[in-house]
Amino acid sequence: MLRPAPYAMPAERALFYAGWVFTGLVLLFLITPILAVIPLSFNAEPYFSYPMPGLSLQWYRDFFGNQRWTGALLLSVKLAVAVTILATALGTMAALGLARTQLPLRSIILGLLLLPMIVPVIIVAVAVFMSFGYFGLIGTFAGLALAHTALATPFVVITVTSTLTSFDWTLQRAAQGLGATPFFTFRKVILPLILPGVVTGGLFAFTTSFDEVVVALFLASAEQRTLPKQMFSGIREMISPTITAAATIQVVFSVCLLVGAELLRRRSERLRGMTPT
């Protein structure tokens, strides 16, 4: 935990701790609505209220026993896996290309790659809907996967690029000097060293696709219901406590992925610290 400097004045110490308290209150304000949903998923009554009259697992039974909810969950997982594979491959290749400082128009290319993350998602959804209509991709699994890949790839580019900032490119030249092919050099030298960043980017890509709802509302057909789209439809048509169970599952799943990404980041830092200079 960060501490004020030993020689800090009392006013500086008070300001330091006040900053920590303010930060904690802001985080609590942001997290409380999410944490409030989790207990409601165990409510024994079919309405949202505190205090709860009792605890029950009926909404989880309804979630896993309802074909519409389980089908939506399965579609979201399948879609997220496909997006993770595509976004990780494309983002890693883009990051490797951008790592070359002599690349012409490097900053412009990087800005274009990051546009889907910067532009409001509603604009991306409208643009994708208009362009995909010419190719007959609306209402298809491939269309959803490609659109989600465009949204998820920037996260892979950022994480892999961050990992490559400390990569020693003399290792690549040494491997090629010993007769290794470019593919062998990538597989045996580059990939093992940047793997934490690649996996972290893949986890972010999975989370981006798994939680995305706006593009799904534009591109998915009536039969294609991802979990976020099913939750949105459930809120619009009939508010059921089953939505709280779905939200809890989604929150826990996303938190587990983010914790895994953080552990990989720390492992990557330890490996960089152990690398001889």
C-alpha atoms as a PDB file:
ATOM      1  CA  MET A   1       0.000   0.000   0.000  1.00  0.00           C
ATOM      2  CA  LEU A   2       1.255   3.506  -0.815  1.00  0.00           C
ATOM      3  CA  ARG A   3       2.230   5.634   2.160  1.00  0.00           C
ATOM      4  CA  PRO A   4       3.112   9.312   2.475  1.00  0.00           C
ATOM      5  CA  ALA A   5       6.784  10.206   2.582  1.00  0.00           C
ATOM      6  CA  PRO A   6       8.293  10.042   6.098  1.00  0.00           C
ATOM      7  CA  TYR A   7       9.323  13.687   5.844  1.00  0.00           C
ATOM      8  CA  ALA A   8       5.894  14.909   4.682  1.00  0.00           C
ATOM      9  CA  MET A   9       4.266  17.769   6.564  1.00  0.00           C
ATOM     10  CA  PRO A  10       1.010  17.139   8.493  1.00  0.00           C
ATOM     11  CA  ALA A  11      -0.967  19.013   5.834  1.00  0.00           C
ATOM     12  CA  GLU A  12       0.573  16.857   3.111  1.00  0.00           C
ATOM     13  CA  ARG A  13      -0.260  13.702   5.039  1.00  0.00           C
ATOM     14  CA  ALA A  14      -3.845  14.836   5.520  1.00  0.00           C
ATOM     15  CA  LEU A  15      -4.142  15.628   1.815  1.00  0.00           C
ATOM     16  CA  PHE A  16      -2.677  12.216   0.941  1.00  0.00           C
ATOM     17  CA  TYR A  17      -5.168  10.300   3.085  1.00  0.00           C
ATOM     18  CA  ALA A  18      -8.025  12.517   1.918  1.00  0.00           C
ATOM     19  CA  GLY A  19      -7.178  11.558  -1.655  1.00  0.00           C
ATOM     20  CA  TRP A  20      -7.344   7.877  -0.740  1.00  0.00           C
ATOM     21  CA  VAL A  21     -10.698   8.341   1.008  1.00  0.00           C
ATOM     22  CA  PHE A  22     -12.117  10.251  -1.960  1.00  0.00           C
ATOM     23  CA  THR A  23     -10.897   7.560  -4.372  1.00  0.00           C
ATOM     24  CA  GLY A  24     -12.467   4.856  -2.221  1.00  0.00           C
ATOM     25  CA  LEU A  25     -15.801   6.690  -2.133  1.00  0.00           C
ATOM     26  CA  VAL A  26     -15.789   7.108  -5.921  1.00  0.00           C
ATOM     27  CA  LEU A  27     -15.054   3.405  -6.416  1.00  0.00           C
ATOM     28  CA  LEU A  28     -17.784   2.491  -3.929  1.00  0.00           C
ATOM     29  CA  PHE A  29     -20.239   4.730  -5.790  1.00  0.00           C
ATOM     30  CA  LEU A  30     -19.396   2.983  -9.079  1.00  0.00           C
ATOM     31  CA  ILE A  31     -19.419  -0.570  -7.713  1.00  0.00           C
ATOM     32  CA  THR A  32     -22.469  -0.395  -5.409  1.00  0.00           C
ATOM     33  CA  PRO A  33     -25.099  -0.700  -8.216  1.00  0.00           C
ATOM     34  CA  ILE A  34     -23.330  -3.818  -9.482  1.00  0.00           C
ATOM     35  CA  LEU A  35     -23.033  -5.346  -6.018  1.00  0.00           C
ATOM     36  CA  ALA A  36     -26.696  -4.568  -5.299  1.00  0.00           C
ATOM     37  CA  VAL A  37     -27.801  -6.835  -8.143  1.00  0.00           C
ATOM     38  CA  ILE A  38     -26.085  -9.941  -6.760  1.00  0.00           C
ATOM     39  CA  PRO A  39     -28.167 -10.330  -3.561  1.00  0.00           C
ATOM     40  CA  LEU A  40     -31.361  -9.725  -5.541  1.00  0.00           C
ATOM     41  CA  SER A  41     -30.611 -12.826  -7.613  1.00  0.00           C
ATOM     42  CA  PHE A  42     -31.206 -14.875  -4.437  1.00  0.00           C
ATOM     43  CA  ASN A  43     -34.498 -13.163  -3.580  1.00  0.00           C
ATOM     44  CA  ALA A  44     -37.338 -15.526  -2.722  1.00  0.00           C
ATOM     45  CA  GLU A  45     -39.988 -13.101  -3.982  1.00  0.00           C
ATOM     46  CA  PRO A  46     -40.676 -12.215  -7.648  1.00  0.00           C
ATOM     47  CA  TYR A  47     -39.922  -8.518  -7.245  1.00  0.00           C
ATOM     48  CA  PHE A  48     -36.958  -6.284  -6.555  1.00  0.00           C
ATOM     49  CA  SER A  49     -36.940  -4.985  -3.010  1.00  0.00           C
ATOM     50  CA  TYR A  50     -34.806  -4.602   0.072  1.00  0.00           C
ATOM     51  CA  PRO A  51     -34.872  -6.058   2.655  1.00  0.00           C
ATOM     52  CA  MET A  52     -35.480  -9.428   1.053  1.00  0.00           C
ATOM     53  CA  PRO A  53     -38.073 -11.631   2.770  1.00  0.00           C
ATOM     54  CA  GLY A  54     -36.045 -14.780   2.124  1.00  0.00           C
ATOM     55  CA  LEU A  55     -33.366 -16.467   0.051  1.00  0.00           C
ATOM     56  CA  SER A  56     -33.893 -18.840  -2.849  1.00  0.00           C
ATOM     57  CA  LEU A  57     -32.118 -20.302  -5.858  1.00  0.00           C
ATOM     58  CA  GLN A  58     -35.293 -20.372  -7.948  1.00  0.00           C
ATOM     59  CA  TRP A  59     -34.081 -17.717 -10.398  1.00  0.00           C
ATOM     60  CA  TYR A  60     -30.918 -19.667 -11.112  1.00  0.00           C
ATOM     61  CA  ARG A  61     -33.021 -22.778 -11.642  1.00  0.00           C
ATOM     62  CA  ASP A  62     -35.205 -20.788 -14.007  1.00  0.00           C
ATOM     63  CA  PHE A  63     -32.125 -19.517 -15.841  1.00  0.00           C
ATOM     64  CA  PHE A  64     -30.528 -22.924 -16.376  1.00  0.00           C
ATOM     65  CA  GLY A  65     -33.883 -24.640 -16.954  1.00  0.00           C
ATOM     66  CA  ASN A  66     -35.107 -22.202 -19.599  1.00  0.00           C
ATOM     67  CA  GLN A  67     -34.038 -22.992 -23.159  1.00  0.00           C
ATOM     68  CA  ARG A  68     -34.155 -19.328 -24.144  1.00  0.00           C
ATOM     69  CA  TRP A  69     -31.671 -18.297 -21.438  1.00  0.00           C
ATOM     70  CA  THR A  70     -29.325 -21.264 -21.852  1.00  0.00           C
ATOM     71  CA  GLY A  71     -29.408 -20.873 -25.636  1.00  0.00           C
ATOM     72  CA  ALA A  72     -28.488 -17.210 -25.290  1.00  0.00           C
ATOM     73  CA  LEU A  73     -25.622 -18.095 -22.942  1.00  0.00           C
ATOM     74  CA  LEU A  74     -24.334 -20.763 -25.312  1.00  0.00           C
ATOM     75  CA  LEU A  75     -24.501 -18.403 -28.288  1.00  0.00           C
ATOM     76  CA  SER A  76     -22.624 -15.703 -26.366  1.00  0.00           C
ATOM     77  CA  VAL A  77     -19.888 -18.146 -25.372  1.00  0.00           C
ATOM     78  CA  LYS A  78     -19.521 -19.515 -28.907  1.00  0.00           C
ATOM     79  CA  LEU A  79     -19.447 -16.012 -30.332  1.00  0.00           C
ATOM     80  CA  ALA A  80     -16.921 -14.810 -27.746  1.00  0.00           C
ATOM     81  CA  VAL A  81     -14.622 -17.775 -28.442  1.00  0.00           C
ATOM     82  CA  ALA A  82     -14.685 -17.107 -32.188  1.00  0.00           C
ATOM     83  CA  VAL A  83     -14.081 -13.395 -31.630  1.00  0.00           C
ATOM     84  CA  THR A  84     -11.222 -14.131 -29.228  1.00  0.00           C
ATOM     85  CA  ILE A  85      -9.449 -16.286 -31.810  1.00  0.00           C
ATOM     86  CA  LEU A  86      -9.893 -13.756 -34.627  1.00  0.00           C
ATOM     87  CA  ALA A  87      -9.142 -10.644 -32.568  1.00  0.00           C
ATOM     88  CA  THR A  88      -6.100 -12.185 -30.884  1.00  0.00           C
ATOM     89  CA  ALA A  89      -4.585 -13.272 -34.187  1.00  0.00           C
ATOM     90  CA  LEU A  90      -5.283  -9.980 -35.962  1.00  0.00           C
ATOM     91  CA  GLY A  91      -4.335  -7.798 -33.000  1.00  0.00           C
ATOM     92  CA  THR A  92      -1.065  -9.649 -32.385  1.00  0.00           C
ATOM     93  CA  MET A  93      -0.029  -9.367 -36.034  1.00  0.00           C
ATOM     94  CA  ALA A  94      -0.929  -5.678 -36.060  1.00  0.00           C
ATOM     95  CA  ALA A  95       1.049  -5.044 -32.874  1.00  0.00           C
ATOM     96  CA  LEU A  96       4.092  -6.844 -34.265  1.00  0.00           C
ATOM     97  CA  GLY A  97       3.923  -4.715 -37.386  1.00  0.00           C
ATOM     98  CA  LEU A  98       3.488  -1.491 -35.429  1.00  0.00           C
ATOM     99  CA  ALA A  99       6.416  -2.387 -33.174  1.00  0.00           C
ATOM    100  CA  ARG A 100       8.734  -1.532 -36.064  1.00  0.00           C
ATOM    101  CA  THR A 101       9.540   2.129 -35.509  1.00  0.00           C
ATOM    102  CA  GLN A 102      10.500   2.605 -39.163  1.00  0.00           C
ATOM    103  CA  LEU A 103       6.962   1.775 -40.312  1.00  0.00           C
ATOM    104  CA  PRO A 104       5.617   4.653 -42.447  1.00  0.00           C
ATOM    105  CA  LEU A 105       2.539   6.448 -41.055  1.00  0.00           C
ATOM    106  CA  ARG A 106       2.730   4.366 -37.888  1.00  0.00           C
ATOM    107  CA  SER A 107       0.739   6.796 -35.732  1.00  0.00           C
ATOM    108  CA  ILE A 108      -2.022   7.114 -38.332  1.00  0.00           C
ATOM    109  CA  ILE A 109      -2.331   3.336 -38.700  1.00  0.00           C
ATOM    110  CA  LEU A 110      -2.463   2.902 -34.917  1.00  0.00           C
ATOM    111  CA  GLY A 111      -5.164   5.567 -34.673  1.00  0.00           C
ATOM    112  CA  LEU A 112      -7.251   3.810 -37.320  1.00  0.00           C
ATOM    113  CA  LEU A 113      -6.902   0.483 -35.506  1.00  0.00           C
ATOM    114  CA  LEU A 114      -8.075   2.038 -32.252  1.00  0.00           C
ATOM    115  CA  LEU A 115     -11.053   3.870 -33.787  1.00  0.00           C
ATOM    116  CA  PRO A 116     -13.646   1.172 -32.883  1.00  0.00           C
ATOM    117  CA  MET A 117     -12.694   1.639 -29.238  1.00  0.00           C
ATOM    118  CA  ILE A 118     -12.859   5.447 -29.408  1.00  0.00           C
ATOM    119  CA  VAL A 119     -15.954   6.017 -31.555  1.00  0.00           C
ATOM    120  CA  PRO A 120     -19.304   5.603 -29.702  1.00  0.00           C
ATOM    121  CA  VAL A 121     -20.529   2.050 -30.157  1.00  0.00           C
ATOM    122  CA  ILE A 122     -23.902   3.201 -31.505  1.00  0.00           C
ATOM    123  CA  ILE A 123     -22.100   4.842 -34.437  1.00  0.00           C
ATOM    124  CA  VAL A 124     -20.111   1.672 -35.051  1.00  0.00           C
ATOM    125  CA  ALA A 125     -23.313  -0.371 -34.931  1.00  0.00           C
ATOM    126  CA  VAL A 126     -25.075   1.848 -37.495  1.00  0.00           C
ATOM    127  CA  ALA A 127     -22.032   1.848 -39.794  1.00  0.00           C
ATOM    128  CA  VAL A 128     -21.669  -1.930 -39.570  1.00  0.00           C
ATOM    129  CA  PHE A 129     -25.390  -2.432 -40.179  1.00  0.00           C
ATOM    130  CA  MET A 130     -25.309  -0.300 -43.335  1.00  0.00           C
ATOM    131  CA  SER A 131     -22.134  -1.903 -44.711  1.00  0.00           C
ATOM    132  CA  PHE A 132     -22.961  -5.511 -43.825  1.00  0.00           C
ATOM    133  CA  GLY A 133     -26.322  -5.221 -45.571  1.00  0.00           C
ATOM    134  CA  TYR A 134     -24.569  -5.200 -48.949  1.00  0.00           C
ATOM    135  CA  PHE A 135     -22.868  -8.516 -48.177  1.00  0.00           C
ATOM    136  CA  GLY A 136     -25.845 -10.317 -46.664  1.00  0.00           C
ATOM    137  CA  LEU A 137     -24.177 -10.637 -43.256  1.00  0.00           C
ATOM    138  CA  ILE A 138     -27.047  -9.232 -41.205  1.00  0.00           C
ATOM    139  CA  GLY A 139     -28.650 -11.934 -39.076  1.00  0.00           C
ATOM    140  CA  THR A 140     -25.701 -14.319 -39.465  1.00  0.00           C
ATOM    141  CA  PHE A 141     -23.199 -15.668 -36.966  1.00  0.00           C
ATOM    142  CA  ALA A 142     -20.338 -14.563 -39.220  1.00  0.00           C
ATOM    143  CA  GLY A 143     -21.646 -10.999 -39.275  1.00  0.00           C
ATOM    144  CA  LEU A 144     -21.832 -10.833 -35.492  1.00  0.00           C
ATOM    145  CA  ALA A 145     -18.374 -12.364 -35.148  1.00  0.00           C
ATOM    146  CA  LEU A 146     -16.793  -9.905 -37.577  1.00  0.00           C
ATOM    147  CA  ALA A 147     -18.464  -6.895 -35.947  1.00  0.00           C
ATOM    148  CA  HIS A 148     -17.415  -7.994 -32.452  1.00  0.00           C
ATOM    149  CA  THR A 149     -13.914  -8.678 -33.751  1.00  0.00           C
ATOM    150  CA  ALA A 150     -13.663  -5.076 -34.932  1.00  0.00           C
ATOM    151  CA  LEU A 151     -14.613  -3.922 -31.433  1.00  0.00           C
ATOM    152  CA  ALA A 152     -12.299  -6.350 -29.628  1.00  0.00           C
ATOM    153  CA  THR A 153      -9.138  -6.112 -31.748  1.00  0.00           C
ATOM    154  CA  PRO A 154      -8.029  -2.696 -30.370  1.00  0.00           C
ATOM    155  CA  PHE A 155      -7.745  -4.183 -26.876  1.00  0.00           C
ATOM    156  CA  VAL A 156      -5.402  -6.872 -28.187  1.00  0.00           C
ATOM    157  CA  VAL A 157      -3.352  -4.288 -30.067  1.00  0.00           C
ATOM    158  CA  ILE A 158      -2.907  -2.199 -26.919  1.00  0.00           C
ATOM    159  CA  THR A 159      -1.922  -5.069 -24.611  1.00  0.00           C
ATOM    160  CA  VAL A 160       0.477  -6.725 -27.066  1.00  0.00           C
ATOM    161  CA  THR A 161       2.023  -3.383 -28.022  1.00  0.00           C
ATOM    162  CA  SER A 162       2.601  -2.670 -24.339  1.00  0.00           C
ATOM    163  CA  THR A 163       4.356  -6.021 -23.968  1.00  0.00           C
ATOM    164  CA  LEU A 164       6.513  -5.386 -27.025  1.00  0.00           C
ATOM    165  CA  THR A 165       7.868  -2.107 -25.629  1.00  0.00           C
ATOM    166  CA  SER A 166      10.311  -4.083 -23.486  1.00  0.00           C
ATOM    167  CA  PHE A 167      11.004  -6.823 -26.020  1.00  0.00           C
ATOM    168  CA  ASP A 168      14.642  -7.296 -27.020  1.00  0.00           C
ATOM    169  CA  TRP A 169      14.628  -7.536 -30.813  1.00  0.00           C
ATOM    170  CA  THR A 170      18.240  -8.735 -30.836  1.00  0.00           C
ATOM    171  CA  LEU A 171      16.839 -12.148 -29.867  1.00  0.00           C
ATOM    172  CA  GLN A 172      14.988 -12.286 -33.177  1.00  0.00           C
ATOM    173  CA  ARG A 173      18.063 -11.283 -35.130  1.00  0.00           C
ATOM    174  CA  ALA A 174      20.143 -13.862 -33.254  1.00  0.00           C
ATOM    175  CA  ALA A 175      17.647 -16.627 -34.071  1.00  0.00           C
ATOM    176  CA  GLN A 176      17.568 -15.659 -37.727  1.00  0.00           C
ATOM    177  CA  GLY A 177      21.353 -15.476 -37.774  1.00  0.00           C
ATOM    178  CA  LEU A 178      21.425 -19.093 -36.602  1.00  0.00           C
ATOM    179  CA  GLY A 179      19.264 -20.119 -39.574  1.00  0.00           C
ATOM    180  CA  ALA A 180      15.793 -20.084 -38.015  1.00  0.00           C
ATOM    181  CA  THR A 181      12.882 -19.330 -40.332  1.00  0.00           C
ATOM    182  CA  PRO A 182      10.612 -16.346 -39.538  1.00  0.00           C
ATOM    183  CA  PHE A 183       7.779 -18.652 -38.453  1.00  0.00           C
ATOM    184  CA  PHE A 184      10.081 -20.721 -36.243  1.00  0.00           C
ATOM    185  CA  THR A 185      11.513 -17.534 -34.730  1.00  0.00           C
ATOM    186  CA  PHE A 186       8.040 -16.248 -33.939  1.00  0.00           C
ATOM    187  CA  ARG A 187       6.881 -19.549 -32.454  1.00  0.00           C
ATOM    188  CA  LYS A 188       9.960 -20.308 -30.381  1.00  0.00           C
ATOM    189  CA  VAL A 189      11.390 -16.891 -29.513  1.00  0.00           C
ATOM    190  CA  ILE A 190       8.868 -14.050 -29.835  1.00  0.00           C
ATOM    191  CA  LEU A 191       5.588 -15.720 -28.854  1.00  0.00           C
ATOM    192  CA  PRO A 192       6.764 -17.247 -25.537  1.00  0.00           C
ATOM    193  CA  LEU A 193       8.037 -13.840 -24.371  1.00  0.00           C
ATOM    194  CA  ILE A 194       4.930 -11.861 -25.353  1.00  0.00           C
ATOM    195  CA  LEU A 195       2.461 -14.629 -24.456  1.00  0.00           C
ATOM    196  CA  PRO A 196       1.180 -12.924 -21.256  1.00  0.00           C
ATOM    197  CA  GLY A 197       0.237  -9.851 -23.276  1.00  0.00           C
ATOM    198  CA  VAL A 198      -1.372 -11.964 -25.994  1.00  0.00           C
ATOM    199  CA  VAL A 199      -3.438 -13.943 -23.490  1.00  0.00           C
ATOM    200  CA  THR A 200      -4.429 -10.768 -21.642  1.00  0.00           C
ATOM    201  CA  GLY A 201      -5.581  -9.213 -24.911  1.00  0.00           C
ATOM    202  CA  GLY A 202      -7.527 -12.381 -25.680  1.00  0.00           C
ATOM    203  CA  LEU A 203      -9.281 -12.194 -22.308  1.00  0.00           C
ATOM    204  CA  PHE A 204     -10.252  -8.581 -22.942  1.00  0.00           C
ATOM    205  CA  ALA A 205     -11.501  -9.562 -26.401  1.00  0.00           C
ATOM    206  CA  PHE A 206     -13.611 -12.347 -24.897  1.00  0.00           C
ATOM    207  CA  THR A 207     -15.101  -9.968 -22.320  1.00  0.00           C
ATOM    208  CA  THR A 208     -15.818  -7.324 -24.968  1.00  0.00           C
ATOM    209  CA  SER A 209     -17.782  -9.766 -27.106  1.00  0.00           C
ATOM    210  CA  PHE A 210     -19.484 -11.483 -24.169  1.00  0.00           C
ATOM    211  CA  ASP A 211     -20.845  -8.196 -22.769  1.00  0.00           C
ATOM    212  CA  GLU A 212     -21.685  -6.402 -26.040  1.00  0.00           C
ATOM    213  CA  VAL A 213     -25.351  -5.610 -26.702  1.00  0.00           C
ATOM    214  CA  VAL A 214     -25.668  -2.586 -29.051  1.00  0.00           C
ATOM    215  CA  VAL A 215     -24.193  -4.216 -32.163  1.00  0.00           C
ATOM    216  CA  ALA A 216     -26.146  -7.395 -31.410  1.00  0.00           C
ATOM    217  CA  LEU A 217     -29.389  -5.414 -31.395  1.00  0.00           C
ATOM    218  CA  PHE A 218     -28.608  -4.095 -34.880  1.00  0.00           C
ATOM    219  CA  LEU A 219     -27.185  -7.216 -36.532  1.00  0.00           C
ATOM    220  CA  ALA A 220     -28.722 -10.249 -34.824  1.00  0.00           C
ATOM    221  CA  SER A 221     -31.901 -11.800 -36.145  1.00  0.00           C
ATOM    222  CA  ALA A 222     -34.947 -12.545 -34.004  1.00  0.00           C
ATOM    223  CA  GLU A 223     -33.687 -16.083 -33.440  1.00  0.00           C
ATOM    224  CA  GLN A 224     -30.178 -14.946 -32.553  1.00  0.00           C
ATOM    225  CA  ARG A 225     -30.254 -13.901 -28.921  1.00  0.00           C
ATOM    226  CA  THR A 226     -26.971 -13.337 -27.160  1.00  0.00           C
ATOM    227  CA  LEU A 227     -27.097 -13.166 -23.381  1.00  0.00           C
ATOM    228  CA  PRO A 228     -26.939  -9.329 -23.210  1.00  0.00           C
ATOM    229  CA  LYS A 229     -29.603  -9.078 -25.920  1.00  0.00           C
ATOM    230  CA  GLN A 230     -31.809 -11.562 -24.058  1.00  0.00           C
ATOM    231  CA  MET A 231     -31.385  -9.509 -20.873  1.00  0.00           C
ATOM    232  CA  PHE A 232     -32.284  -6.321 -22.747  1.00  0.00           C
ATOM    233  CA  SER A 233     -35.354  -7.971 -24.264  1.00  0.00           C
ATOM    234  CA  GLY A 234     -36.366  -9.317 -20.855  1.00  0.00           C
ATOM    235  CA  ILE A 235     -36.226  -5.841 -19.325  1.00  0.00           C
ATOM    236  CA  ARG A 236     -38.272  -4.385 -22.197  1.00  0.00           C
ATOM    237  CA  GLU A 237     -40.896  -7.119 -22.359  1.00  0.00           C
ATOM    238  CA  MET A 238     -41.293  -8.323 -18.780  1.00  0.00           C
ATOM    239  CA  ILE A 239     -39.017  -7.633 -15.835  1.00  0.00           C
ATOM    240  CA  SER A 240     -38.246 -10.956 -14.196  1.00  0.00           C
ATOM    241  CA  PRO A 241     -35.797 -11.658 -11.354  1.00  0.00           C
ATOM    242  CA  THR A 242     -34.189 -14.193 -13.685  1.00  0.00           C
ATOM    243  CA  ILE A 243     -32.435 -11.174 -15.201  1.00  0.00           C
ATOM    244  CA  THR A 244     -30.618 -10.648 -11.905  1.00  0.00           C
ATOM    245  CA  ALA A 245     -29.360 -14.236 -11.999  1.00  0.00           C
ATOM    246  CA  ALA A 246     -28.130 -13.714 -15.578  1.00  0.00           C
ATOM    247  CA  ALA A 247     -26.497 -10.423 -14.568  1.00  0.00           C
ATOM    248  CA  THR A 248     -24.760 -12.088 -11.621  1.00  0.00           C
ATOM    249  CA  ILE A 249     -23.425 -14.856 -13.829  1.00  0.00           C
ATOM    250  CA  GLN A 250     -22.169 -12.282 -16.303  1.00  0.00           C
ATOM    251  CA  VAL A 251     -20.519 -10.168 -13.592  1.00  0.00           C
ATOM    252  CA  VAL A 252     -18.801 -13.147 -11.967  1.00  0.00           C
ATOM    253  CA  PHE A 253     -17.614 -14.403 -15.346  1.00  0.00           C
ATOM    254  CA  SER A 254     -16.211 -10.998 -16.323  1.00  0.00           C
ATOM    255  CA  VAL A 255     -14.522 -10.502 -12.941  1.00  0.00           C
ATOM    256  CA  CYS A 256     -12.837 -13.902 -13.205  1.00  0.00           C
ATOM    257  CA  LEU A 257     -11.497 -13.003 -16.642  1.00  0.00           C
ATOM    258  CA  LEU A 258     -10.218  -9.605 -15.445  1.00  0.00           C
ATOM    259  CA  VAL A 259      -8.553 -11.186 -12.411  1.00  0.00           C
ATOM    260  CA  GLY A 260      -6.870 -13.657 -14.751  1.00  0.00           C
ATOM    261  CA  ALA A 261      -5.686 -10.769 -16.928  1.00  0.00           C
ATOM    262  CA  GLU A 262      -4.237  -8.990 -13.890  1.00  0.00           C
ATOM    263  CA  LEU A 263      -2.408 -12.132 -12.756  1.00  0.00           C
ATOM    264  CA  LEU A 264      -0.934 -12.521 -16.228  1.00  0.00           C
ATOM    265  CA  ARG A 265       0.167  -8.877 -16.196  1.00  0.00           C
ATOM    266  CA  ARG A 266       1.981  -9.363 -12.900  1.00  0.00           C
ATOM    267  CA  ARG A 267       3.582 -12.542 -14.181  1.00  0.00           C
ATOM    268  CA  SER A 268       4.767 -10.666 -17.246  1.00  0.00           C
ATOM    269  CA  GLU A 269       6.317  -7.966 -15.057  1.00  0.00           C
ATOM    270  CA  ARG A 270       8.114 -10.607 -12.982  1.00  0.00           C
ATOM    271  CA  LEU A 271       9.464 -12.243 -16.127  1.00  0.00           C
ATOM    272  CA  ARG A 272      10.717  -8.916 -17.452  1.00  0.00           C
ATOM    273  CA  GLY A 273      12.358  -8.255 -14.108  1.00  0.00           C
ATOM    274  CA  MET A 274      14.132 -11.618 -14.234  1.00  0.00           C
ATOM    275  CA  THR A 275      15.373 -11.090 -17.818  1.00  0.00           C
ATOM    276  CA  PRO A 276      19.117 -10.401 -17.793  1.00  0.00           C
ATOM    277  CA  THR A 277      20.187  -7.097 -19.273  1.00  0.00           C
END
